Amino acid sequence: MNERRYVGIDQDDFGGMSEIGRIIRDAWVFGIIPETEKCSGWSEGQLQNLYNQVFEAWQPFGHLASQLPAELRVQHSRIYEAAIESARQKGWSGEHLVDDESP
């Protein structure tokens, strides 16, 4: 049986604006993996391990970017701003993230 493999953040839909893409970008922020690592070909187990490391790295900051120390906050902004700009150029709008139901 063939195990599914991740295509890589650079090949993911809309420039990696997915849950896996977020995990990879957060791993870059925390230095868990280098920014050159796109995780292409990674197994579900490898991605789960990366998620666990990222989750643990976020814990001291309450999983909030606003609680990161200045150096990490700058790193986070740089990485995410570049990702959003790239995704927008590929047609991503983020509209699916907005709950359009009225109260």
PDB file of N, CA and C in Angstrom:
ATOM      1  N   MET A   1       0.852  -1.174   0.000  1.00  0.00           N
ATOM      2  CA  MET A   1       0.000   0.000   0.000  1.00  0.00           C
ATOM      3  C   MET A   1       0.896   1.235   0.000  1.00  0.00           C
ATOM      4  N   ASN A   2       0.608   2.161  -0.861  1.00  0.00           N
ATOM      5  CA  ASN A   2       1.383   3.397  -0.941  1.00  0.00           C
ATOM      6  C   ASN A   2       0.873   4.409   0.078  1.00  0.00           C
ATOM      7  N   GLU A   3       1.810   4.942   0.836  1.00  0.00           N
ATOM      8  CA  GLU A   3       1.465   5.976   1.798  1.00  0.00           C
ATOM      9  C   GLU A   3       1.418   7.321   1.079  1.00  0.00           C
ATOM     10  N   ARG A   4       0.404   8.120   1.396  1.00  0.00           N
ATOM     11  CA  ARG A   4       0.307   9.450   0.793  1.00  0.00           C
ATOM     12  C   ARG A   4       1.470  10.307   1.270  1.00  0.00           C
ATOM     13  N   ARG A   5       1.961  11.115   0.365  1.00  0.00           N
ATOM     14  CA  ARG A   5       3.083  12.006   0.648  1.00  0.00           C
ATOM     15  C   ARG A   5       2.657  13.432   0.339  1.00  0.00           C
ATOM     16  N   TYR A   6       3.157  14.357   1.118  1.00  0.00           N
ATOM     17  CA  TYR A   6       2.844  15.770   0.927  1.00  0.00           C
ATOM     18  C   TYR A   6       3.594  16.304  -0.275  1.00  0.00           C
ATOM     19  N   VAL A   7       2.928  17.156  -1.062  1.00  0.00           N
ATOM     20  CA  VAL A   7       3.538  17.674  -2.296  1.00  0.00           C
ATOM     21  C   VAL A   7       4.604  18.720  -2.038  1.00  0.00           C
ATOM     22  N   GLY A   8       4.567  19.355  -0.885  1.00  0.00           N
ATOM     23  CA  GLY A   8       5.509  20.428  -0.553  1.00  0.00           C
ATOM     24  C   GLY A   8       4.789  21.760  -0.507  1.00  0.00           C
ATOM     25  N   ILE A   9       5.216  22.614   0.388  1.00  0.00           N
ATOM     26  CA  ILE A   9       4.535  23.892   0.579  1.00  0.00           C
ATOM     27  C   ILE A   9       4.558  24.736  -0.691  1.00  0.00           C
ATOM     28  N   ASP A  10       5.595  24.591  -1.491  1.00  0.00           N
ATOM     29  CA  ASP A  10       5.684  25.371  -2.726  1.00  0.00           C
ATOM     30  C   ASP A  10       4.810  24.816  -3.839  1.00  0.00           C
ATOM     31  N   GLN A  11       4.289  23.595  -3.674  1.00  0.00           N
ATOM     32  CA  GLN A  11       3.395  22.979  -4.655  1.00  0.00           C
ATOM     33  C   GLN A  11       1.963  22.844  -4.135  1.00  0.00           C
ATOM     34  N   ASP A  12       1.753  23.188  -2.880  1.00  0.00           N
ATOM     35  CA  ASP A  12       0.438  23.101  -2.247  1.00  0.00           C
ATOM     36  C   ASP A  12      -0.479  24.158  -2.867  1.00  0.00           C
ATOM     37  N   ASP A  13      -1.785  23.940  -2.759  1.00  0.00           N
ATOM     38  CA  ASP A  13      -2.756  24.885  -3.308  1.00  0.00           C
ATOM     39  C   ASP A  13      -2.516  26.288  -2.782  1.00  0.00           C
ATOM     40  N   PHE A  14      -2.543  27.242  -3.693  1.00  0.00           N
ATOM     41  CA  PHE A  14      -2.421  28.665  -3.377  1.00  0.00           C
ATOM     42  C   PHE A  14      -1.220  28.973  -2.488  1.00  0.00           C
ATOM     43  N   GLY A  15      -0.108  28.392  -2.830  1.00  0.00           N
ATOM     44  CA  GLY A  15       1.125  28.719  -2.132  1.00  0.00           C
ATOM     45  C   GLY A  15       1.204  28.229  -0.705  1.00  0.00           C
ATOM     46  N   GLY A  16       0.514  27.158  -0.413  1.00  0.00           N
ATOM     47  CA  GLY A  16       0.602  26.585   0.926  1.00  0.00           C
ATOM     48  C   GLY A  16      -0.293  27.230   1.962  1.00  0.00           C
ATOM     49  N   MET A  17      -1.386  27.831   1.534  1.00  0.00           N
ATOM     50  CA  MET A  17      -2.319  28.435   2.487  1.00  0.00           C
ATOM     51  C   MET A  17      -3.283  27.345   2.969  1.00  0.00           C
ATOM     52  N   SER A  18      -2.706  26.383   3.654  1.00  0.00           N
ATOM     53  CA  SER A  18      -3.435  25.236   4.190  1.00  0.00           C
ATOM     54  C   SER A  18      -2.959  25.016   5.623  1.00  0.00           C
ATOM     55  N   GLU A  19      -3.601  24.091   6.294  1.00  0.00           N
ATOM     56  CA  GLU A  19      -3.171  23.778   7.660  1.00  0.00           C
ATOM     57  C   GLU A  19      -1.729  23.253   7.668  1.00  0.00           C
ATOM     58  N   ILE A  20      -1.405  22.414   6.715  1.00  0.00           N
ATOM     59  CA  ILE A  20      -0.028  21.903   6.656  1.00  0.00           C
ATOM     60  C   ILE A  20       0.929  23.045   6.359  1.00  0.00           C
ATOM     61  N   GLY A  21       0.543  23.938   5.465  1.00  0.00           N
ATOM     62  CA  GLY A  21       1.381  25.099   5.163  1.00  0.00           C
ATOM     63  C   GLY A  21       1.630  25.955   6.389  1.00  0.00           C
ATOM     64  N   ARG A  22       0.599  26.136   7.200  1.00  0.00           N
ATOM     65  CA  ARG A  22       0.747  26.918   8.430  1.00  0.00           C
ATOM     66  C   ARG A  22       1.731  26.252   9.382  1.00  0.00           C
ATOM     67  N   ILE A  23       1.628  24.944   9.496  1.00  0.00           N
ATOM     68  CA  ILE A  23       2.551  24.213  10.373  1.00  0.00           C
ATOM     69  C   ILE A  23       3.989  24.388   9.889  1.00  0.00           C
ATOM     70  N   ILE A  24       4.188  24.280   8.592  1.00  0.00           N
ATOM     71  CA  ILE A  24       5.537  24.428   8.040  1.00  0.00           C
ATOM     72  C   ILE A  24       6.056  25.846   8.272  1.00  0.00           C
ATOM     73  N   ARG A  25       5.233  26.862   8.005  1.00  0.00           N
ATOM     74  CA  ARG A  25       5.677  28.245   8.238  1.00  0.00           C
ATOM     75  C   ARG A  25       5.991  28.484   9.715  1.00  0.00           C
ATOM     76  N   ASP A  26       5.165  27.939  10.595  1.00  0.00           N
ATOM     77  CA  ASP A  26       5.447  28.085  12.031  1.00  0.00           C
ATOM     78  C   ASP A  26       6.747  27.381  12.407  1.00  0.00           C
ATOM     79  N   ALA A  27       7.000  26.237  11.792  1.00  0.00           N
ATOM     80  CA  ALA A  27       8.267  25.533  12.049  1.00  0.00           C
ATOM     81  C   ALA A  27       9.448  26.382  11.592  1.00  0.00           C
ATOM     82  N   TRP A  28       9.282  27.104  10.498  1.00  0.00           N
ATOM     83  CA  TRP A  28      10.327  28.040  10.061  1.00  0.00           C
ATOM     84  C   TRP A  28      10.533  29.134  11.096  1.00  0.00           C
ATOM     85  N   VAL A  29       9.418  29.702  11.576  1.00  0.00           N
ATOM     86  CA  VAL A  29       9.497  30.784  12.562  1.00  0.00           C
ATOM     87  C   VAL A  29      10.318  30.344  13.770  1.00  0.00           C
ATOM     88  N   PHE A  30      10.037  29.154  14.268  1.00  0.00           N
ATOM     89  CA  PHE A  30      10.693  28.676  15.483  1.00  0.00           C
ATOM     90  C   PHE A  30      12.038  28.006  15.221  1.00  0.00           C
ATOM     91  N   GLY A  31      12.458  27.935  13.969  1.00  0.00           N
ATOM     92  CA  GLY A  31      13.746  27.327  13.649  1.00  0.00           C
ATOM     93  C   GLY A  31      13.768  25.817  13.788  1.00  0.00           C
ATOM     94  N   ILE A  32      12.601  25.201  13.750  1.00  0.00           N
ATOM     95  CA  ILE A  32      12.532  23.744  13.856  1.00  0.00           C
ATOM     96  C   ILE A  32      13.066  23.107  12.576  1.00  0.00           C
ATOM     97  N   ILE A  33      12.732  23.722  11.459  1.00  0.00           N
ATOM     98  CA  ILE A  33      13.276  23.330  10.156  1.00  0.00           C
ATOM     99  C   ILE A  33      13.731  24.606   9.458  1.00  0.00           C
ATOM    100  N   PRO A  34      14.694  24.505   8.566  1.00  0.00           N
ATOM    101  CA  PRO A  34      15.139  25.710   7.841  1.00  0.00           C
ATOM    102  C   PRO A  34      14.074  26.152   6.831  1.00  0.00           C
ATOM    103  N   GLU A  35      14.095  27.435   6.490  1.00  0.00           N
ATOM    104  CA  GLU A  35      13.129  27.963   5.525  1.00  0.00           C
ATOM    105  C   GLU A  35      13.300  27.354   4.143  1.00  0.00           C
ATOM    106  N   THR A  36      14.403  26.731   3.894  1.00  0.00           N
ATOM    107  CA  THR A  36      14.607  26.057   2.613  1.00  0.00           C
ATOM    108  C   THR A  36      13.890  24.710   2.554  1.00  0.00           C
ATOM    109  N   GLU A  37      13.459  24.196   3.697  1.00  0.00           N
ATOM    110  CA  GLU A  37      12.764  22.896   3.755  1.00  0.00           C
ATOM    111  C   GLU A  37      11.299  23.095   3.384  1.00  0.00           C
ATOM    112  N   LYS A  38      10.887  22.499   2.267  1.00  0.00           N
ATOM    113  CA  LYS A  38       9.510  22.627   1.769  1.00  0.00           C
ATOM    114  C   LYS A  38       8.652  21.428   2.141  1.00  0.00           C
ATOM    115  N   CYS A  39       9.271  20.401   2.714  1.00  0.00           N
ATOM    116  CA  CYS A  39       8.601  19.191   3.197  1.00  0.00           C
ATOM    117  C   CYS A  39       7.982  18.357   2.077  1.00  0.00           C
ATOM    118  N   SER A  40       8.450  18.526   0.860  1.00  0.00           N
ATOM    119  CA  SER A  40       7.924  17.706  -0.227  1.00  0.00           C
ATOM    120  C   SER A  40       8.350  16.255  -0.022  1.00  0.00           C
ATOM    121  N   GLY A  41       7.398  15.377  -0.238  1.00  0.00           N
ATOM    122  CA  GLY A  41       7.637  13.957  -0.065  1.00  0.00           C
ATOM    123  C   GLY A  41       7.500  13.463   1.368  1.00  0.00           C
ATOM    124  N   TRP A  42       7.172  14.354   2.291  1.00  0.00           N
ATOM    125  CA  TRP A  42       7.053  13.949   3.692  1.00  0.00           C
ATOM    126  C   TRP A  42       5.809  13.090   3.894  1.00  0.00           C
ATOM    127  N   SER A  43       5.920  12.115   4.770  1.00  0.00           N
ATOM    128  CA  SER A  43       4.806  11.233   5.113  1.00  0.00           C
ATOM    129  C   SER A  43       3.901  11.917   6.142  1.00  0.00           C
ATOM    130  N   GLU A  44       2.731  11.332   6.312  1.00  0.00           N
ATOM    131  CA  GLU A  44       1.814  11.845   7.324  1.00  0.00           C
ATOM    132  C   GLU A  44       2.443  11.785   8.712  1.00  0.00           C
ATOM    133  N   GLY A  45       3.211  10.744   8.978  1.00  0.00           N
ATOM    134  CA  GLY A  45       3.890  10.612  10.268  1.00  0.00           C
ATOM    135  C   GLY A  45       4.920  11.711  10.495  1.00  0.00           C
ATOM    136  N   GLN A  46       5.671  12.042   9.458  1.00  0.00           N
ATOM    137  CA  GLN A  46       6.652  13.127   9.574  1.00  0.00           C
ATOM    138  C   GLN A  46       5.952  14.463   9.817  1.00  0.00           C
ATOM    139  N   LEU A  47       4.851  14.688   9.109  1.00  0.00           N
ATOM    140  CA  LEU A  47       4.110  15.938   9.287  1.00  0.00           C
ATOM    141  C   LEU A  47       3.474  16.002  10.678  1.00  0.00           C
ATOM    142  N   GLN A  48       3.004  14.867  11.189  1.00  0.00           N
ATOM    143  CA  GLN A  48       2.440  14.837  12.543  1.00  0.00           C
ATOM    144  C   GLN A  48       3.522  15.145  13.569  1.00  0.00           C
ATOM    145  N   ASN A  49       4.709  14.611  13.375  1.00  0.00           N
ATOM    146  CA  ASN A  49       5.826  14.900  14.267  1.00  0.00           C
ATOM    147  C   ASN A  49       6.169  16.392  14.236  1.00  0.00           C
ATOM    148  N   LEU A  50       6.169  16.978  13.037  1.00  0.00           N
ATOM    149  CA  LEU A  50       6.430  18.411  12.906  1.00  0.00           C
ATOM    150  C   LEU A  50       5.351  19.211  13.618  1.00  0.00           C
ATOM    151  N   TYR A  51       4.092  18.818  13.445  1.00  0.00           N
ATOM    152  CA  TYR A  51       2.984  19.484  14.136  1.00  0.00           C
ATOM    153  C   TYR A  51       3.210  19.445  15.651  1.00  0.00           C
ATOM    154  N   ASN A  52       3.576  18.297  16.176  1.00  0.00           N
ATOM    155  CA  ASN A  52       3.794  18.168  17.621  1.00  0.00           C
ATOM    156  C   ASN A  52       4.897  19.114  18.099  1.00  0.00           C
ATOM    157  N   GLN A  53       5.963  19.231  17.338  1.00  0.00           N
ATOM    158  CA  GLN A  53       7.057  20.136  17.704  1.00  0.00           C
ATOM    159  C   GLN A  53       6.610  21.598  17.653  1.00  0.00           C
ATOM    160  N   VAL A  54       5.842  21.939  16.631  1.00  0.00           N
ATOM    161  CA  VAL A  54       5.345  23.311  16.491  1.00  0.00           C
ATOM    162  C   VAL A  54       4.379  23.629  17.627  1.00  0.00           C
ATOM    163  N   PHE A  55       3.487  22.701  17.934  1.00  0.00           N
ATOM    164  CA  PHE A  55       2.530  22.905  19.029  1.00  0.00           C
ATOM    165  C   PHE A  55       3.270  23.180  20.332  1.00  0.00           C
ATOM    166  N   GLU A  56       4.286  22.392  20.589  1.00  0.00           N
ATOM    167  CA  GLU A  56       5.084  22.562  21.812  1.00  0.00           C
ATOM    168  C   GLU A  56       5.813  23.914  21.818  1.00  0.00           C
ATOM    169  N   ALA A  57       6.320  24.324  20.662  1.00  0.00           N
ATOM    170  CA  ALA A  57       7.028  25.614  20.575  1.00  0.00           C
ATOM    171  C   ALA A  57       6.094  26.786  20.839  1.00  0.00           C
ATOM    172  N   TRP A  58       4.828  26.666  20.437  1.00  0.00           N
ATOM    173  CA  TRP A  58       3.858  27.747  20.647  1.00  0.00           C
ATOM    174  C   TRP A  58       3.378  27.851  22.098  1.00  0.00           C
ATOM    175  N   GLN A  59       3.412  26.757  22.841  1.00  0.00           N
ATOM    176  CA  GLN A  59       2.828  26.732  24.189  1.00  0.00           C
ATOM    177  C   GLN A  59       3.259  27.881  25.094  1.00  0.00           C
ATOM    178  N   PRO A  60       4.528  28.226  25.183  1.00  0.00           N
ATOM    179  CA  PRO A  60       4.905  29.319  26.096  1.00  0.00           C
ATOM    180  C   PRO A  60       4.306  30.679  25.715  1.00  0.00           C
ATOM    181  N   PHE A  61       3.789  30.766  24.497  1.00  0.00           N
ATOM    182  CA  PHE A  61       3.268  32.046  23.995  1.00  0.00           C
ATOM    183  C   PHE A  61       1.753  32.013  23.818  1.00  0.00           C
ATOM    184  N   GLY A  62       1.123  30.998  24.399  1.00  0.00           N
ATOM    185  CA  GLY A  62      -0.320  30.904  24.329  1.00  0.00           C
ATOM    186  C   GLY A  62      -0.849  30.740  22.915  1.00  0.00           C
ATOM    187  N   HIS A  63      -0.013  30.277  22.012  1.00  0.00           N
ATOM    188  CA  HIS A  63      -0.379  30.081  20.605  1.00  0.00           C
ATOM    189  C   HIS A  63      -0.839  31.376  19.951  1.00  0.00           C
ATOM    190  N   LEU A  64      -0.303  32.509  20.419  1.00  0.00           N
ATOM    191  CA  LEU A  64      -0.657  33.830  19.891  1.00  0.00           C
ATOM    192  C   LEU A  64       0.591  34.542  19.381  1.00  0.00           C
ATOM    193  N   ALA A  65       0.537  34.967  18.128  1.00  0.00           N
ATOM    194  CA  ALA A  65       1.678  35.688  17.559  1.00  0.00           C
ATOM    195  C   ALA A  65       1.969  36.964  18.339  1.00  0.00           C
ATOM    196  N   SER A  66       0.943  37.577  18.885  1.00  0.00           N
ATOM    197  CA  SER A  66       1.134  38.819  19.641  1.00  0.00           C
ATOM    198  C   SER A  66       1.931  38.604  20.925  1.00  0.00           C
ATOM    199  N   GLN A  67       2.041  37.362  21.364  1.00  0.00           N
ATOM    200  CA  GLN A  67       2.774  37.059  22.593  1.00  0.00           C
ATOM    201  C   GLN A  67       4.218  36.617  22.332  1.00  0.00           C
ATOM    202  N   LEU A  68       4.592  36.531  21.060  1.00  0.00           N
ATOM    203  CA  LEU A  68       5.963  36.146  20.731  1.00  0.00           C
ATOM    204  C   LEU A  68       6.941  37.241  21.137  1.00  0.00           C
ATOM    205  N   PRO A  69       8.154  36.877  21.496  1.00  0.00           N
ATOM    206  CA  PRO A  69       9.188  37.890  21.733  1.00  0.00           C
ATOM    207  C   PRO A  69       9.450  38.635  20.424  1.00  0.00           C
ATOM    208  N   ALA A  70       9.978  39.827  20.519  1.00  0.00           N
ATOM    209  CA  ALA A  70      10.141  40.714  19.360  1.00  0.00           C
ATOM    210  C   ALA A  70      10.813  40.032  18.178  1.00  0.00           C
ATOM    211  N   GLU A  71      11.900  39.325  18.405  1.00  0.00           N
ATOM    212  CA  GLU A  71      12.632  38.683  17.307  1.00  0.00           C
ATOM    213  C   GLU A  71      11.756  37.673  16.561  1.00  0.00           C
ATOM    214  N   LEU A  72      11.038  36.840  17.318  1.00  0.00           N
ATOM    215  CA  LEU A  72      10.164  35.859  16.680  1.00  0.00           C
ATOM    216  C   LEU A  72       8.953  36.520  16.026  1.00  0.00           C
ATOM    217  N   ARG A  73       8.452  37.590  16.622  1.00  0.00           N
ATOM    218  CA  ARG A  73       7.320  38.321  16.039  1.00  0.00           C
ATOM    219  C   ARG A  73       7.700  38.906  14.685  1.00  0.00           C
ATOM    220  N   VAL A  74       8.898  39.454  14.570  1.00  0.00           N
ATOM    221  CA  VAL A  74       9.391  39.992  13.297  1.00  0.00           C
ATOM    222  C   VAL A  74       9.525  38.859  12.283  1.00  0.00           C
ATOM    223  N   GLN A  75      10.092  37.748  12.711  1.00  0.00           N
ATOM    224  CA  GLN A  75      10.251  36.576  11.845  1.00  0.00           C
ATOM    225  C   GLN A  75       8.877  36.082  11.361  1.00  0.00           C
ATOM    226  N   HIS A  76       7.931  35.986  12.271  1.00  0.00           N
ATOM    227  CA  HIS A  76       6.572  35.536  11.952  1.00  0.00           C
ATOM    228  C   HIS A  76       5.931  36.466  10.923  1.00  0.00           C
ATOM    229  N   SER A  77       6.018  37.752  11.157  1.00  0.00           N
ATOM    230  CA  SER A  77       5.431  38.729  10.223  1.00  0.00           C
ATOM    231  C   SER A  77       6.059  38.620   8.847  1.00  0.00           C
ATOM    232  N   ARG A  78       7.362  38.517   8.792  1.00  0.00           N
ATOM    233  CA  ARG A  78       8.067  38.419   7.510  1.00  0.00           C
ATOM    234  C   ARG A  78       7.619  37.188   6.735  1.00  0.00           C
ATOM    235  N   ILE A  79       7.594  36.056   7.400  1.00  0.00           N
ATOM    236  CA  ILE A  79       7.237  34.797   6.741  1.00  0.00           C
ATOM    237  C   ILE A  79       5.785  34.811   6.287  1.00  0.00           C
ATOM    238  N   TYR A  80       4.885  35.241   7.162  1.00  0.00           N
ATOM    239  CA  TYR A  80       3.462  35.210   6.823  1.00  0.00           C
ATOM    240  C   TYR A  80       3.082  36.286   5.812  1.00  0.00           C
ATOM    241  N   GLU A  81       3.669  37.451   5.892  1.00  0.00           N
ATOM    242  CA  GLU A  81       3.373  38.489   4.896  1.00  0.00           C
ATOM    243  C   GLU A  81       3.807  38.042   3.506  1.00  0.00           C
ATOM    244  N   ALA A  82       4.961  37.421   3.409  1.00  0.00           N
ATOM    245  CA  ALA A  82       5.437  36.919   2.114  1.00  0.00           C
ATOM    246  C   ALA A  82       4.517  35.804   1.603  1.00  0.00           C
ATOM    247  N   ALA A  83       4.075  34.929   2.482  1.00  0.00           N
ATOM    248  CA  ALA A  83       3.190  33.834   2.084  1.00  0.00           C
ATOM    249  C   ALA A  83       1.847  34.355   1.598  1.00  0.00           C
ATOM    250  N   ILE A  84       1.307  35.337   2.292  1.00  0.00           N
ATOM    251  CA  ILE A  84       0.013  35.912   1.900  1.00  0.00           C
ATOM    252  C   ILE A  84       0.131  36.615   0.556  1.00  0.00           C
ATOM    253  N   GLU A  85       1.185  37.371   0.361  1.00  0.00           N
ATOM    254  CA  GLU A  85       1.384  38.069  -0.911  1.00  0.00           C
ATOM    255  C   GLU A  85       1.521  37.071  -2.059  1.00  0.00           C
ATOM    256  N   SER A  86       2.296  36.037  -1.862  1.00  0.00           N
ATOM    257  CA  SER A  86       2.482  35.018  -2.890  1.00  0.00           C
ATOM    258  C   SER A  86       1.165  34.308  -3.192  1.00  0.00           C
ATOM    259  N   ALA A  87       0.417  33.971  -2.152  1.00  0.00           N
ATOM    260  CA  ALA A  87      -0.862  33.280  -2.341  1.00  0.00           C
ATOM    261  C   ALA A  87      -1.866  34.163  -3.077  1.00  0.00           C
ATOM    262  N   ARG A  88      -1.893  35.424  -2.756  1.00  0.00           N
ATOM    263  CA  ARG A  88      -2.805  36.343  -3.457  1.00  0.00           C
ATOM    264  C   ARG A  88      -2.465  36.417  -4.940  1.00  0.00           C
ATOM    265  N   GLN A  89      -1.183  36.403  -5.268  1.00  0.00           N
ATOM    266  CA  GLN A  89      -0.764  36.421  -6.670  1.00  0.00           C
ATOM    267  C   GLN A  89      -1.206  35.151  -7.401  1.00  0.00           C
ATOM    268  N   LYS A  90      -1.433  34.080  -6.645  1.00  0.00           N
ATOM    269  CA  LYS A  90      -1.873  32.813  -7.234  1.00  0.00           C
ATOM    270  C   LYS A  90      -3.391  32.649  -7.175  1.00  0.00           C
ATOM    271  N   GLY A  91      -4.096  33.715  -6.754  1.00  0.00           N
ATOM    272  CA  GLY A  91      -5.557  33.684  -6.750  1.00  0.00           C
ATOM    273  C   GLY A  91      -6.217  33.427  -5.413  1.00  0.00           C
ATOM    274  N   TRP A  92      -5.450  33.265  -4.365  1.00  0.00           N
ATOM    275  CA  TRP A  92      -6.026  33.031  -3.042  1.00  0.00           C
ATOM    276  C   TRP A  92      -6.568  34.342  -2.495  1.00  0.00           C
ATOM    277  N   SER A  93      -7.742  34.290  -1.885  1.00  0.00           N
ATOM    278  CA  SER A  93      -8.309  35.505  -1.301  1.00  0.00           C
ATOM    279  C   SER A  93      -8.553  35.370   0.194  1.00  0.00           C
ATOM    280  N   GLY A  94      -8.590  34.167   0.681  1.00  0.00           N
ATOM    281  CA  GLY A  94      -8.851  33.957   2.100  1.00  0.00           C
ATOM    282  C   GLY A  94     -10.315  34.020   2.456  1.00  0.00           C
ATOM    283  N   GLU A  95     -11.188  34.206   1.469  1.00  0.00           N
ATOM    284  CA  GLU A  95     -12.616  34.341   1.748  1.00  0.00           C
ATOM    285  C   GLU A  95     -13.197  33.110   2.427  1.00  0.00           C
ATOM    286  N   HIS A  96     -12.652  31.941   2.136  1.00  0.00           N
ATOM    287  CA  HIS A  96     -13.166  30.729   2.748  1.00  0.00           C
ATOM    288  C   HIS A  96     -12.920  30.704   4.265  1.00  0.00           C
ATOM    289  N   LEU A  97     -12.062  31.583   4.740  1.00  0.00           N
ATOM    290  CA  LEU A  97     -11.754  31.641   6.176  1.00  0.00           C
ATOM    291  C   LEU A  97     -12.737  32.507   6.956  1.00  0.00           C
ATOM    292  N   VAL A  98     -13.556  33.266   6.226  1.00  0.00           N
ATOM    293  CA  VAL A  98     -14.480  34.203   6.849  1.00  0.00           C
ATOM    294  C   VAL A  98     -15.846  33.553   6.961  1.00  0.00           C
ATOM    295  N   ASP A  99     -16.400  33.588   8.141  1.00  0.00           N
ATOM    296  CA  ASP A  99     -17.738  33.060   8.362  1.00  0.00           C
ATOM    297  C   ASP A  99     -18.726  34.130   7.917  1.00  0.00           C
ATOM    298  N   ASP A 100     -19.417  33.883   6.817  1.00  0.00           N
ATOM    299  CA  ASP A 100     -20.316  34.902   6.281  1.00  0.00           C
ATOM    300  C   ASP A 100     -21.743  34.778   6.792  1.00  0.00           C
ATOM    301  N   GLU A 101     -21.963  33.925   7.786  1.00  0.00           N
ATOM    302  CA  GLU A 101     -23.295  33.827   8.353  1.00  0.00           C
ATOM    303  C   GLU A 101     -23.538  34.987   9.309  1.00  0.00           C
ATOM    304  N   SER A 102     -24.696  35.589   9.165  1.00  0.00           N
ATOM    305  CA  SER A 102     -25.061  36.708  10.055  1.00  0.00           C
ATOM    306  C   SER A 102     -25.625  36.147  11.335  1.00  0.00           C
ATOM    307  N   PRO A 103     -25.406  36.861  12.448  1.00  0.00           N
ATOM    308  CA  PRO A 103     -25.950  36.377  13.731  1.00  0.00           C
ATOM    309  C   PRO A 103     -27.448  36.499  13.776  1.00  0.00           C
TER     310      PRO A 103
END
